[in-house]
mmCIF file of all heavy atoms, coordinates in Angstrom:
data_MODEL
# 
_entry.id   MODEL 
# 
loop_
_atom_site.group_PDB 
_atom_site.id 
_atom_site.type_symbol 
_atom_site.label_atom_id 
_atom_site.label_alt_id 
_atom_site.label_comp_id 
_atom_site.label_asym_id 
_atom_site.label_entity_id 
_atom_site.label_seq_id 
_atom_site.pdbx_PDB_ins_code 
_atom_site.Cartn_x 
_atom_site.Cartn_y 
_atom_site.Cartn_z 
_atom_site.occupancy 
_atom_site.B_iso_or_equiv 
_atom_site.pdbx_formal_charge 
_atom_site.auth_seq_id 
_atom_site.auth_comp_id 
_atom_site.auth_asym_id 
_atom_site.auth_atom_id 
_atom_site.pdbx_PDB_model_num 
ATOM 1   N N   . GLU A 1 1  ? -6.655  13.180 -5.778  1.00 0.00 ? 1  GLU A N   1 
ATOM 2   C CA  . GLU A 1 1  ? -5.760  13.893 -6.685  1.00 0.00 ? 1  GLU A CA  1 
ATOM 3   C C   . GLU A 1 1  ? -6.548  14.717 -7.705  1.00 0.00 ? 1  GLU A C   1 
ATOM 4   O O   . GLU A 1 1  ? -6.120  15.781 -8.128  1.00 0.00 ? 1  GLU A O   1 
ATOM 5   C CB  . GLU A 1 1  ? -4.873  12.882 -7.402  1.00 0.00 ? 1  GLU A CB  1 
ATOM 6   C CG  . GLU A 1 1  ? -3.884  13.483 -8.354  1.00 0.00 ? 1  GLU A CG  1 
ATOM 7   C CD  . GLU A 1 1  ? -3.005  12.439 -9.004  1.00 0.00 ? 1  GLU A CD  1 
ATOM 8   O OE1 . GLU A 1 1  ? -3.509  11.356 -9.346  1.00 0.00 ? 1  GLU A OE1 1 
ATOM 9   O OE2 . GLU A 1 1  ? -1.819  12.712 -9.173  1.00 0.00 ? 1  GLU A OE2 1 
ATOM 10  N N   . THR A 1 2  ? -7.721  14.231 -8.080  1.00 0.00 ? 2  THR A N   1 
ATOM 11  C CA  . THR A 1 2  ? -8.529  14.910 -9.090  1.00 0.00 ? 2  THR A CA  1 
ATOM 12  C C   . THR A 1 2  ? -9.293  16.108 -8.542  1.00 0.00 ? 2  THR A C   1 
ATOM 13  O O   . THR A 1 2  ? -9.843  16.884 -9.313  1.00 0.00 ? 2  THR A O   1 
ATOM 14  C CB  . THR A 1 2  ? -9.532  13.916 -9.702  1.00 0.00 ? 2  THR A CB  1 
ATOM 15  O OG1 . THR A 1 2  ? -10.324 13.354 -8.647  1.00 0.00 ? 2  THR A OG1 1 
ATOM 16  C CG2 . THR A 1 2  ? -8.813  12.811 -10.450 1.00 0.00 ? 2  THR A CG2 1 
ATOM 17  N N   . ALA A 1 3  ? -9.336  16.267 -7.233  1.00 0.00 ? 3  ALA A N   1 
ATOM 18  C CA  . ALA A 1 3  ? -10.074 17.377 -6.622  1.00 0.00 ? 3  ALA A CA  1 
ATOM 19  C C   . ALA A 1 3  ? -9.127  18.514 -6.273  1.00 0.00 ? 3  ALA A C   1 
ATOM 20  O O   . ALA A 1 3  ? -8.004  18.287 -5.828  1.00 0.00 ? 3  ALA A O   1 
ATOM 21  C CB  . ALA A 1 3  ? -10.783 16.902 -5.360  1.00 0.00 ? 3  ALA A CB  1 
ATOM 22  N N   . GLY A 1 4  ? -9.582  19.721 -6.465  1.00 0.00 ? 4  GLY A N   1 
ATOM 23  C CA  . GLY A 1 4  ? -8.788  20.872 -6.052  1.00 0.00 ? 4  GLY A CA  1 
ATOM 24  C C   . GLY A 1 4  ? -8.936  21.102 -4.563  1.00 0.00 ? 4  GLY A C   1 
ATOM 25  O O   . GLY A 1 4  ? -9.780  20.485 -3.912  1.00 0.00 ? 4  GLY A O   1 
ATOM 26  N N   . PRO A 1 5  ? -8.135  21.971 -4.008  1.00 0.00 ? 5  PRO A N   1 
ATOM 27  C CA  . PRO A 1 5  ? -8.251  22.252 -2.582  1.00 0.00 ? 5  PRO A CA  1 
ATOM 28  C C   . PRO A 1 5  ? -9.583  22.942 -2.269  1.00 0.00 ? 5  PRO A C   1 
ATOM 29  O O   . PRO A 1 5  ? -10.036 23.781 -3.043  1.00 0.00 ? 5  PRO A O   1 
ATOM 30  C CB  . PRO A 1 5  ? -7.073  23.163 -2.285  1.00 0.00 ? 5  PRO A CB  1 
ATOM 31  C CG  . PRO A 1 5  ? -6.618  23.680 -3.590  1.00 0.00 ? 5  PRO A CG  1 
ATOM 32  C CD  . PRO A 1 5  ? -7.069  22.722 -4.641  1.00 0.00 ? 5  PRO A CD  1 
ATOM 33  N N   . PRO A 1 6  ? -10.203 22.583 -1.151  1.00 0.00 ? 6  PRO A N   1 
ATOM 34  C CA  . PRO A 1 6  ? -11.464 23.238 -0.785  1.00 0.00 ? 6  PRO A CA  1 
ATOM 35  C C   . PRO A 1 6  ? -11.207 24.688 -0.357  1.00 0.00 ? 6  PRO A C   1 
ATOM 36  O O   . PRO A 1 6  ? -10.097 25.030 0.072   1.00 0.00 ? 6  PRO A O   1 
ATOM 37  C CB  . PRO A 1 6  ? -11.974 22.399 0.389   1.00 0.00 ? 6  PRO A CB  1 
ATOM 38  C CG  . PRO A 1 6  ? -10.764 21.766 0.966   1.00 0.00 ? 6  PRO A CG  1 
ATOM 39  C CD  . PRO A 1 6  ? -9.819  21.558 -0.178  1.00 0.00 ? 6  PRO A CD  1 
ATOM 40  N N   . PRO A 1 7  ? -12.215 25.532 -0.431  1.00 0.00 ? 7  PRO A N   1 
ATOM 41  C CA  . PRO A 1 7  ? -12.018 26.945 -0.089  1.00 0.00 ? 7  PRO A CA  1 
ATOM 42  C C   . PRO A 1 7  ? -11.642 27.169 1.377   1.00 0.00 ? 7  PRO A C   1 
ATOM 43  O O   . PRO A 1 7  ? -11.040 28.169 1.708   1.00 0.00 ? 7  PRO A O   1 
ATOM 44  C CB  . PRO A 1 7  ? -13.365 27.595 -0.422  1.00 0.00 ? 7  PRO A CB  1 
ATOM 45  C CG  . PRO A 1 7  ? -14.334 26.496 -0.583  1.00 0.00 ? 7  PRO A CG  1 
ATOM 46  C CD  . PRO A 1 7  ? -13.567 25.261 -0.916  1.00 0.00 ? 7  PRO A CD  1 
ATOM 47  N N   . TRP A 1 8  ? -11.955 26.229 2.239   1.00 0.00 ? 8  TRP A N   1 
ATOM 48  C CA  . TRP A 1 8  ? -11.672 26.382 3.664   1.00 0.00 ? 8  TRP A CA  1 
ATOM 49  C C   . TRP A 1 8  ? -10.310 25.802 4.058   1.00 0.00 ? 8  TRP A C   1 
ATOM 50  O O   . TRP A 1 8  ? -9.950  25.804 5.233   1.00 0.00 ? 8  TRP A O   1 
ATOM 51  C CB  . TRP A 1 8  ? -12.769 25.737 4.501   1.00 0.00 ? 8  TRP A CB  1 
ATOM 52  C CG  . TRP A 1 8  ? -13.139 24.359 4.060   1.00 0.00 ? 8  TRP A CG  1 
ATOM 53  C CD1 . TRP A 1 8  ? -14.140 24.013 3.203   1.00 0.00 ? 8  TRP A CD1 1 
ATOM 54  C CD2 . TRP A 1 8  ? -12.501 23.126 4.425   1.00 0.00 ? 8  TRP A CD2 1 
ATOM 55  N NE1 . TRP A 1 8  ? -14.165 22.654 3.017   1.00 0.00 ? 8  TRP A NE1 1 
ATOM 56  C CE2 . TRP A 1 8  ? -13.175 22.076 3.767   1.00 0.00 ? 8  TRP A CE2 1 
ATOM 57  C CE3 . TRP A 1 8  ? -11.433 22.807 5.259   1.00 0.00 ? 8  TRP A CE3 1 
ATOM 58  C CZ2 . TRP A 1 8  ? -12.806 20.749 3.911   1.00 0.00 ? 8  TRP A CZ2 1 
ATOM 59  C CZ3 . TRP A 1 8  ? -11.063 21.480 5.391   1.00 0.00 ? 8  TRP A CZ3 1 
ATOM 60  C CH2 . TRP A 1 8  ? -11.753 20.468 4.732   1.00 0.00 ? 8  TRP A CH2 1 
ATOM 61  N N   . GLU A 1 9  ? -9.525  25.318 3.105   1.00 0.00 ? 9  GLU A N   1 
ATOM 62  C CA  . GLU A 1 9  ? -8.258  24.659 3.429   1.00 0.00 ? 9  GLU A CA  1 
ATOM 63  C C   . GLU A 1 9  ? -7.319  25.537 4.250   1.00 0.00 ? 9  GLU A C   1 
ATOM 64  O O   . GLU A 1 9  ? -6.734  25.077 5.232   1.00 0.00 ? 9  GLU A O   1 
ATOM 65  C CB  . GLU A 1 9  ? -7.545  24.206 2.154   1.00 0.00 ? 9  GLU A CB  1 
ATOM 66  C CG  . GLU A 1 9  ? -6.218  23.520 2.422   1.00 0.00 ? 9  GLU A CG  1 
ATOM 67  C CD  . GLU A 1 9  ? -5.551  22.994 1.171   1.00 0.00 ? 9  GLU A CD  1 
ATOM 68  O OE1 . GLU A 1 9  ? -6.037  23.235 0.055   1.00 0.00 ? 9  GLU A OE1 1 
ATOM 69  O OE2 . GLU A 1 9  ? -4.532  22.323 1.310   1.00 0.00 ? 9  GLU A OE2 1 
ATOM 70  N N   . GLY A 1 10 ? -7.172  26.781 3.886   1.00 0.00 ? 10 GLY A N   1 
ATOM 71  C CA  . GLY A 1 10 ? -6.261  27.667 4.602   1.00 0.00 ? 10 GLY A CA  1 
ATOM 72  C C   . GLY A 1 10 ? -6.666  27.921 6.043   1.00 0.00 ? 10 GLY A C   1 
ATOM 73  O O   . GLY A 1 10 ? -5.819  28.088 6.909   1.00 0.00 ? 10 GLY A O   1 
ATOM 74  N N   . ALA A 1 11 ? -7.946  27.920 6.325   1.00 0.00 ? 11 ALA A N   1 
ATOM 75  C CA  . ALA A 1 11 ? -8.428  28.178 7.678   1.00 0.00 ? 11 ALA A CA  1 
ATOM 76  C C   . ALA A 1 11 ? -8.384  26.944 8.566   1.00 0.00 ? 11 ALA A C   1 
ATOM 77  O O   . ALA A 1 11 ? -8.525  27.056 9.777   1.00 0.00 ? 11 ALA A O   1 
ATOM 78  C CB  . ALA A 1 11 ? -9.863  28.706 7.614   1.00 0.00 ? 11 ALA A CB  1 
ATOM 79  N N   . ALA A 1 12 ? -8.166  25.781 7.982   1.00 0.00 ? 12 ALA A N   1 
ATOM 80  C CA  . ALA A 1 12 ? -8.235  24.539 8.752   1.00 0.00 ? 12 ALA A CA  1 
ATOM 81  C C   . ALA A 1 12 ? -6.952  24.216 9.501   1.00 0.00 ? 12 ALA A C   1 
ATOM 82  O O   . ALA A 1 12 ? -6.956  23.391 10.397  1.00 0.00 ? 12 ALA A O   1 
ATOM 83  C CB  . ALA A 1 12 ? -8.591  23.375 7.830   1.00 0.00 ? 12 ALA A CB  1 
ATOM 84  N N   . ALA A 1 13 ? -5.827  24.838 9.147   1.00 0.00 ? 13 ALA A N   1 
ATOM 85  C CA  . ALA A 1 13 ? -4.536  24.525 9.771   1.00 0.00 ? 13 ALA A CA  1 
ATOM 86  C C   . ALA A 1 13 ? -4.260  23.027 9.734   1.00 0.00 ? 13 ALA A C   1 
ATOM 87  O O   . ALA A 1 13 ? -3.788  22.447 10.697  1.00 0.00 ? 13 ALA A O   1 
ATOM 88  C CB  . ALA A 1 13 ? -4.480  25.063 11.198  1.00 0.00 ? 13 ALA A CB  1 
ATOM 89  N N   . ALA A 1 14 ? -4.595  22.408 8.612   1.00 0.00 ? 14 ALA A N   1 
ATOM 90  C CA  . ALA A 1 14 ? -4.419  20.969 8.446   1.00 0.00 ? 14 ALA A CA  1 
ATOM 91  C C   . ALA A 1 14 ? -3.288  20.689 7.471   1.00 0.00 ? 14 ALA A C   1 
ATOM 92  O O   . ALA A 1 14 ? -2.943  21.524 6.642   1.00 0.00 ? 14 ALA A O   1 
ATOM 93  C CB  . ALA A 1 14 ? -5.714  20.339 7.931   1.00 0.00 ? 14 ALA A CB  1 
ATOM 94  N N   . VAL A 1 15 ? -2.734  19.504 7.578   1.00 0.00 ? 15 VAL A N   1 
ATOM 95  C CA  . VAL A 1 15 ? -1.680  19.064 6.677   1.00 0.00 ? 15 VAL A CA  1 
ATOM 96  C C   . VAL A 1 15 ? -2.342  18.401 5.469   1.00 0.00 ? 15 VAL A C   1 
ATOM 97  O O   . VAL A 1 15 ? -3.092  17.431 5.637   1.00 0.00 ? 15 VAL A O   1 
ATOM 98  C CB  . VAL A 1 15 ? -0.753  18.052 7.384   1.00 0.00 ? 15 VAL A CB  1 
ATOM 99  C CG1 . VAL A 1 15 ? 0.295   17.526 6.430   1.00 0.00 ? 15 VAL A CG1 1 
ATOM 100 C CG2 . VAL A 1 15 ? -0.112  18.686 8.607   1.00 0.00 ? 15 VAL A CG2 1 
ATOM 101 N N   . PRO A 1 16 ? -2.118  18.890 4.255   1.00 0.00 ? 16 PRO A N   1 
ATOM 102 C CA  . PRO A 1 16 ? -2.758  18.281 3.081   1.00 0.00 ? 16 PRO A CA  1 
ATOM 103 C C   . PRO A 1 16 ? -2.189  16.887 2.786   1.00 0.00 ? 16 PRO A C   1 
ATOM 104 O O   . PRO A 1 16 ? -0.992  16.653 2.903   1.00 0.00 ? 16 PRO A O   1 
ATOM 105 C CB  . PRO A 1 16 ? -2.434  19.229 1.937   1.00 0.00 ? 16 PRO A CB  1 
ATOM 106 C CG  . PRO A 1 16 ? -1.836  20.437 2.547   1.00 0.00 ? 16 PRO A CG  1 
ATOM 107 C CD  . PRO A 1 16 ? -1.364  20.082 3.909   1.00 0.00 ? 16 PRO A CD  1 
ATOM 108 N N   . LEU A 1 17 ? -3.058  15.965 2.426   1.00 0.00 ? 17 LEU A N   1 
ATOM 109 C CA  . LEU A 1 17 ? -2.672  14.636 1.968   1.00 0.00 ? 17 LEU A CA  1 
ATOM 110 C C   . LEU A 1 17 ? -3.477  14.350 0.709   1.00 0.00 ? 17 LEU A C   1 
ATOM 111 O O   . LEU A 1 17 ? -4.694  14.193 0.771   1.00 0.00 ? 17 LEU A O   1 
ATOM 112 C CB  . LEU A 1 17 ? -2.952  13.567 3.025   1.00 0.00 ? 17 LEU A CB  1 
ATOM 113 C CG  . LEU A 1 17 ? -2.686  12.122 2.592   1.00 0.00 ? 17 LEU A CG  1 
ATOM 114 C CD1 . LEU A 1 17 ? -1.206  11.907 2.286   1.00 0.00 ? 17 LEU A CD1 1 
ATOM 115 C CD2 . LEU A 1 17 ? -3.159  11.146 3.646   1.00 0.00 ? 17 LEU A CD2 1 
ATOM 116 N N   . VAL A 1 18 ? -2.798  14.327 -0.427  1.00 0.00 ? 18 VAL A N   1 
ATOM 117 C CA  . VAL A 1 18 ? -3.461  14.083 -1.702  1.00 0.00 ? 18 VAL A CA  1 
ATOM 118 C C   . VAL A 1 18 ? -3.353  12.595 -2.006  1.00 0.00 ? 18 VAL A C   1 
ATOM 119 O O   . VAL A 1 18 ? -2.254  12.041 -2.062  1.00 0.00 ? 18 VAL A O   1 
ATOM 120 C CB  . VAL A 1 18 ? -2.830  14.922 -2.829  1.00 0.00 ? 18 VAL A CB  1 
ATOM 121 C CG1 . VAL A 1 18 ? -3.491  14.615 -4.165  1.00 0.00 ? 18 VAL A CG1 1 
ATOM 122 C CG2 . VAL A 1 18 ? -2.945  16.406 -2.499  1.00 0.00 ? 18 VAL A CG2 1 
ATOM 123 N N   . VAL A 1 19 ? -4.495  11.950 -2.196  1.00 0.00 ? 19 VAL A N   1 
ATOM 124 C CA  . VAL A 1 19 ? -4.554  10.513 -2.456  1.00 0.00 ? 19 VAL A CA  1 
ATOM 125 C C   . VAL A 1 19 ? -4.617  10.304 -3.958  1.00 0.00 ? 19 VAL A C   1 
ATOM 126 O O   . VAL A 1 19 ? -5.469  10.871 -4.638  1.00 0.00 ? 19 VAL A O   1 
ATOM 127 C CB  . VAL A 1 19 ? -5.789  9.889  -1.761  1.00 0.00 ? 19 VAL A CB  1 
ATOM 128 C CG1 . VAL A 1 19 ? -5.850  8.412  -2.031  1.00 0.00 ? 19 VAL A CG1 1 
ATOM 129 C CG2 . VAL A 1 19 ? -5.746  10.173 -0.283  1.00 0.00 ? 19 VAL A CG2 1 
ATOM 130 N N   . ARG A 1 20 ? -3.749  9.474  -4.470  1.00 0.00 ? 20 ARG A N   1 
ATOM 131 C CA  . ARG A 1 20 ? -3.624  9.283  -5.905  1.00 0.00 ? 20 ARG A CA  1 
ATOM 132 C C   . ARG A 1 20 ? -4.301  8.026  -6.411  1.00 0.00 ? 20 ARG A C   1 
ATOM 133 O O   . ARG A 1 20 ? -3.789  7.375  -7.297  1.00 0.00 ? 20 ARG A O   1 
ATOM 134 C CB  . ARG A 1 20 ? -2.153  9.255  -6.295  1.00 0.00 ? 20 ARG A CB  1 
ATOM 135 C CG  . ARG A 1 20 ? -1.455  10.548 -5.982  1.00 0.00 ? 20 ARG A CG  1 
ATOM 136 C CD  . ARG A 1 20 ? -0.043  10.573 -6.434  1.00 0.00 ? 20 ARG A CD  1 
ATOM 137 N NE  . ARG A 1 20 ? 0.829   11.645 -6.140  1.00 0.00 ? 20 ARG A NE  1 
ATOM 138 C CZ  . ARG A 1 20 ? 0.603   12.830 -5.663  1.00 0.00 ? 20 ARG A CZ  1 
ATOM 139 N NH1 . ARG A 1 20 ? -0.582  13.194 -5.368  1.00 0.00 ? 20 ARG A NH1 1 
ATOM 140 N NH2 . ARG A 1 20 ? 1.532   13.707 -5.457  1.00 0.00 ? 20 ARG A NH2 1 
ATOM 141 N N   . GLY A 1 21 ? -5.411  7.668  -5.861  1.00 0.00 ? 21 GLY A N   1 
ATOM 142 C CA  . GLY A 1 21 ? -6.132  6.492  -6.343  1.00 0.00 ? 21 GLY A CA  1 
ATOM 143 C C   . GLY A 1 21 ? -7.238  6.126  -5.382  1.00 0.00 ? 21 GLY A C   1 
ATOM 144 O O   . GLY A 1 21 ? -7.419  6.787  -4.368  1.00 0.00 ? 21 GLY A O   1 
ATOM 145 N N   . PRO A 1 22 ? -7.964  5.064  -5.678  1.00 0.00 ? 22 PRO A N   1 
ATOM 146 C CA  . PRO A 1 22 ? -9.090  4.695  -4.816  1.00 0.00 ? 22 PRO A CA  1 
ATOM 147 C C   . PRO A 1 22 ? -8.650  4.188  -3.449  1.00 0.00 ? 22 PRO A C   1 
ATOM 148 O O   . PRO A 1 22 ? -9.360  4.314  -2.480  1.00 0.00 ? 22 PRO A O   1 
ATOM 149 C CB  . PRO A 1 22 ? -9.804  3.603  -5.602  1.00 0.00 ? 22 PRO A CB  1 
ATOM 150 C CG  . PRO A 1 22 ? -8.790  3.075  -6.553  1.00 0.00 ? 22 PRO A CG  1 
ATOM 151 C CD  . PRO A 1 22 ? -7.841  4.196  -6.831  1.00 0.00 ? 22 PRO A CD  1 
ATOM 152 N N   . GLY A 1 23 ? -7.454  3.639  -3.349  1.00 0.00 ? 23 GLY A N   1 
ATOM 153 C CA  . GLY A 1 23 ? -6.934  3.174  -2.065  1.00 0.00 ? 23 GLY A CA  1 
ATOM 154 C C   . GLY A 1 23 ? -5.829  4.094  -1.604  1.00 0.00 ? 23 GLY A C   1 
ATOM 155 O O   . GLY A 1 23 ? -5.708  5.223  -2.061  1.00 0.00 ? 23 GLY A O   1 
ATOM 156 N N   . PHE A 1 24 ? -5.017  3.623  -0.708  1.00 0.00 ? 24 PHE A N   1 
ATOM 157 C CA  . PHE A 1 24 ? -3.911  4.421  -0.211  1.00 0.00 ? 24 PHE A CA  1 
ATOM 158 C C   . PHE A 1 24 ? -2.604  3.719  -0.525  1.00 0.00 ? 24 PHE A C   1 
ATOM 159 O O   . PHE A 1 24 ? -2.432  2.543  -0.206  1.00 0.00 ? 24 PHE A O   1 
ATOM 160 C CB  . PHE A 1 24 ? -4.023  4.613  1.309   1.00 0.00 ? 24 PHE A CB  1 
ATOM 161 C CG  . PHE A 1 24 ? -5.051  5.620  1.710   1.00 0.00 ? 24 PHE A CG  1 
ATOM 162 C CD1 . PHE A 1 24 ? -6.392  5.297  1.749   1.00 0.00 ? 24 PHE A CD1 1 
ATOM 163 C CD2 . PHE A 1 24 ? -4.682  6.907  2.043   1.00 0.00 ? 24 PHE A CD2 1 
ATOM 164 C CE1 . PHE A 1 24 ? -7.338  6.226  2.100   1.00 0.00 ? 24 PHE A CE1 1 
ATOM 165 C CE2 . PHE A 1 24 ? -5.622  7.848  2.399   1.00 0.00 ? 24 PHE A CE2 1 
ATOM 166 C CZ  . PHE A 1 24 ? -6.955  7.513  2.433   1.00 0.00 ? 24 PHE A CZ  1 
ATOM 167 N N   . ALA A 1 25 ? -1.678  4.436  -1.144  1.00 0.00 ? 25 ALA A N   1 
ATOM 168 C CA  . ALA A 1 25 ? -0.334  3.914  -1.372  1.00 0.00 ? 25 ALA A CA  1 
ATOM 169 C C   . ALA A 1 25 ? 0.371   3.839  -0.011  1.00 0.00 ? 25 ALA A C   1 
ATOM 170 O O   . ALA A 1 25 ? -0.040  4.519  0.937   1.00 0.00 ? 25 ALA A O   1 
ATOM 171 C CB  . ALA A 1 25 ? 0.422   4.836  -2.320  1.00 0.00 ? 25 ALA A CB  1 
ATOM 172 N N   . PRO A 1 26 ? 1.421   3.039  0.107   1.00 0.00 ? 26 PRO A N   1 
ATOM 173 C CA  . PRO A 1 26 ? 2.115   2.926  1.399   1.00 0.00 ? 26 PRO A CA  1 
ATOM 174 C C   . PRO A 1 26 ? 2.551   4.277  1.984   1.00 0.00 ? 26 PRO A C   1 
ATOM 175 O O   . PRO A 1 26 ? 2.412   4.506  3.185   1.00 0.00 ? 26 PRO A O   1 
ATOM 176 C CB  . PRO A 1 26 ? 3.314   2.039  1.081   1.00 0.00 ? 26 PRO A CB  1 
ATOM 177 C CG  . PRO A 1 26 ? 2.848   1.182  -0.059  1.00 0.00 ? 26 PRO A CG  1 
ATOM 178 C CD  . PRO A 1 26 ? 1.959   2.092  -0.880  1.00 0.00 ? 26 PRO A CD  1 
ATOM 179 N N   . ALA A 1 27 ? 3.054   5.177  1.161   1.00 0.00 ? 27 ALA A N   1 
ATOM 180 C CA  . ALA A 1 27 ? 3.475   6.488  1.673   1.00 0.00 ? 27 ALA A CA  1 
ATOM 181 C C   . ALA A 1 27 ? 2.280   7.293  2.180   1.00 0.00 ? 27 ALA A C   1 
ATOM 182 O O   . ALA A 1 27 ? 2.381   8.012  3.175   1.00 0.00 ? 27 ALA A O   1 
ATOM 183 C CB  . ALA A 1 27 ? 4.210   7.261  0.589   1.00 0.00 ? 27 ALA A CB  1 
ATOM 184 N N   . GLU A 1 28 ? 1.145   7.179  1.493   1.00 0.00 ? 28 GLU A N   1 
ATOM 185 C CA  . GLU A 1 28 ? -0.069  7.882  1.939   1.00 0.00 ? 28 GLU A CA  1 
ATOM 186 C C   . GLU A 1 28 ? -0.589  7.274  3.238   1.00 0.00 ? 28 GLU A C   1 
ATOM 187 O O   . GLU A 1 28 ? -0.969  7.983  4.161   1.00 0.00 ? 28 GLU A O   1 
ATOM 188 C CB  . GLU A 1 28 ? -1.139  7.810  0.855   1.00 0.00 ? 28 GLU A CB  1 
ATOM 189 C CG  . GLU A 1 28 ? -0.734  8.509  -0.425  1.00 0.00 ? 28 GLU A CG  1 
ATOM 190 C CD  . GLU A 1 28 ? -1.583  8.130  -1.617  1.00 0.00 ? 28 GLU A CD  1 
ATOM 191 O OE1 . GLU A 1 28 ? -2.365  7.161  -1.539  1.00 0.00 ? 28 GLU A OE1 1 
ATOM 192 O OE2 . GLU A 1 28 ? -1.447  8.803  -2.641  1.00 0.00 ? 28 GLU A OE2 1 
# 
């Protein structure tokens, strides 16, 4: 969550998943 999107994000055709902590919440 603390990191901005990388410059290559648009070219990756990937689905973004922002993690809001050191582990993964159930939805993540």
